Every structure is written in structure tokens, then in C-alpha cells.
Protein backbone atom coordinates (compact mmCIF):
# COMPACT_ATOMS: atom_id res chain seq x y z
CA UNK A 1 -12.08 9.52 1.84
CA UNK A 2 -9.94 10.51 -1.11
CA UNK A 3 -10.42 8.71 -4.41
CA UNK A 4 -7.98 6.77 -6.53
CA UNK A 5 -8.47 9.31 -9.32
CA UNK A 6 -7.24 12.06 -6.97
CA UNK A 7 -4.20 9.96 -6.14
CA UNK A 8 -3.35 9.09 -9.75
CA UNK A 9 -3.36 12.79 -10.66
CA UNK A 10 -0.43 13.42 -8.36
CA UNK A 11 1.47 10.15 -7.84
CA UNK A 12 2.46 6.99 -9.66
CA UNK A 13 1.94 4.13 -7.23
CA UNK A 14 2.96 1.49 -9.77
CA UNK A 15 -0.23 -0.48 -9.20
CA UNK A 16 0.49 -2.93 -12.02
CA UNK A 17 3.84 -3.76 -10.44
CA UNK A 18 2.21 -4.31 -7.05
CA UNK A 19 -0.54 -6.48 -8.54
CA UNK A 20 2.07 -8.52 -10.40
CA UNK A 21 4.11 -9.10 -7.23
CA UNK A 22 1.04 -10.13 -5.23
CA UNK A 23 0.08 -12.65 -7.90
CA UNK A 24 3.65 -13.89 -8.43
CA UNK A 25 4.21 -14.46 -4.70
CA UNK A 26 0.69 -15.89 -4.26
CA UNK A 27 0.22 -13.58 -1.28
CA UNK A 28 -3.04 -14.14 0.57
CA UNK A 29 -2.64 -11.42 3.21
CA UNK A 30 -0.92 -8.13 2.34
CA UNK A 31 -0.08 -5.27 4.69
CA UNK A 32 -0.20 -1.77 3.20
CA UNK A 33 1.83 0.95 4.92
CA UNK A 34 1.39 4.65 4.15
CA UNK A 35 3.00 7.87 5.39
CA UNK A 36 0.57 10.27 7.07
CA UNK A 37 0.07 12.36 3.92
CA UNK A 38 -1.20 9.35 1.97
CA UNK A 39 -3.32 7.69 4.67
CA UNK A 40 -6.51 9.37 3.38
CA UNK A 41 -6.11 7.20 0.26
CA UNK A 42 -5.49 3.94 2.14
CA UNK A 43 -8.96 2.41 1.87
CA UNK A 44 -9.30 3.36 -1.80
CA UNK A 45 -5.95 1.71 -2.56
CA UNK A 46 -6.87 -1.41 -0.58
CA UNK A 47 -10.26 -1.68 -2.30
CA UNK A 48 -8.67 -1.32 -5.75
CA UNK A 49 -5.98 -3.92 -5.09
CA UNK A 50 -8.52 -6.29 -3.59
CA UNK A 51 -10.55 -6.11 -6.81
CA UNK A 52 -7.48 -6.90 -8.90
CA UNK A 53 -6.10 -9.78 -6.82
CA UNK A 54 -7.29 -12.65 -4.66
CA UNK A 55 -5.56 -11.18 -1.61
CA UNK A 56 -6.92 -9.62 1.55
CA UNK A 57 -5.43 -6.38 2.83
CA UNK A 58 -4.58 -4.86 6.18
CA UNK A 59 -3.76 -1.18 6.52
CA UNK A 60 -1.06 -0.12 8.97
CA UNK A 61 -2.18 3.12 10.59
CA UNK A 62 0.87 3.45 12.82
CA UNK A 63 3.73 5.78 12.04
CA UNK A 64 5.72 5.61 8.83
CA UNK A 65 8.63 7.98 8.41
CA UNK A 66 10.37 6.34 5.46
CA UNK A 67 11.52 3.05 4.00
CA UNK A 68 13.43 2.06 7.13
CA UNK A 69 10.33 2.47 9.32
CA UNK A 70 8.91 -1.03 8.99
CA UNK A 71 6.16 -2.13 11.40
CA UNK A 72 7.26 -4.28 14.35
CA UNK A 73 5.40 -7.16 15.96
CA UNK A 74 3.94 -8.47 12.72
CA UNK A 75 4.99 -12.01 13.55
CA UNK A 76 2.22 -12.04 16.18
CA UNK A 77 -0.51 -11.44 13.60
CA UNK A 78 -2.44 -14.54 12.59
CA UNK A 79 -2.88 -15.47 9.82
CA UNK A 80 0.64 -14.66 8.72
CA UNK A 81 1.23 -11.59 6.56
CA UNK A 82 2.69 -12.72 3.23
CA UNK A 83 3.74 -9.37 1.80
CA UNK A 84 4.26 -5.78 2.95
CA UNK A 85 3.82 -2.92 0.49
CA UNK A 86 5.15 0.39 1.74
CA UNK A 87 4.06 3.52 -0.10
CA UNK A 88 5.85 6.83 -0.07
CA UNK A 89 5.48 10.24 -1.56
CA UNK A 90 7.58 13.16 -2.55
CA UNK A 91 5.81 16.41 -3.38
CA UNK A 92 8.92 17.60 -5.19
CA UNK A 93 8.68 14.82 -7.79
CA UNK A 94 5.04 14.43 -8.88
CA UNK A 95 4.42 11.95 -11.70
CA UNK A 96 3.19 14.58 -14.17
CA UNK A 97 6.67 16.12 -14.65
């Protein structure tokens, strides 16, 4: 498992913005979607966000090839997912530049 500190060295995931949206929308169940390169960080991200909000988190481990690759069949999940957060990365634009 990769740590949040490792992640923050390379990327800006805008955690404060995500936390704000979860609280503003009063989301109870949030789905997190990651591309393959960021999946090693998925549980660390979920744990961190869980500590900062009152929400529960699911991690989508299916494919994710970009913003248009949203998971299908979510309407069958009970309880209902209130919010989807899709993460991405771009090695050409790390946050330290």
C-alpha cells in the first residue's frame, strides 16, 4: 500500500475541495474511481477522506481510462451512491512544477 505522503509529493488531489463537496452535498456513500496507476493509493485516500467526513467510501477497481469512463450499473447498488469522485493523473504535469 502506498501512503498519502507519497501521493502528495507527486500529485495535487484537491482533498479540501473533495471534502467540501462531500459535506455540501451531504453525501453518505461516495464512490472513488482511480486509473490503474493510482489504484495503489486507493485505500489510503479512502481512509483519509473517511476521517475528514461522515461518509462511507467504495472503491471502483474496474477500468478507468479517463473522465468519460464512468462506471456502469451503479443504479443497482444499494444503498444508493450519492457522489462519484474520479481521480486522474498526468505524469507530465506534477504538482511541484
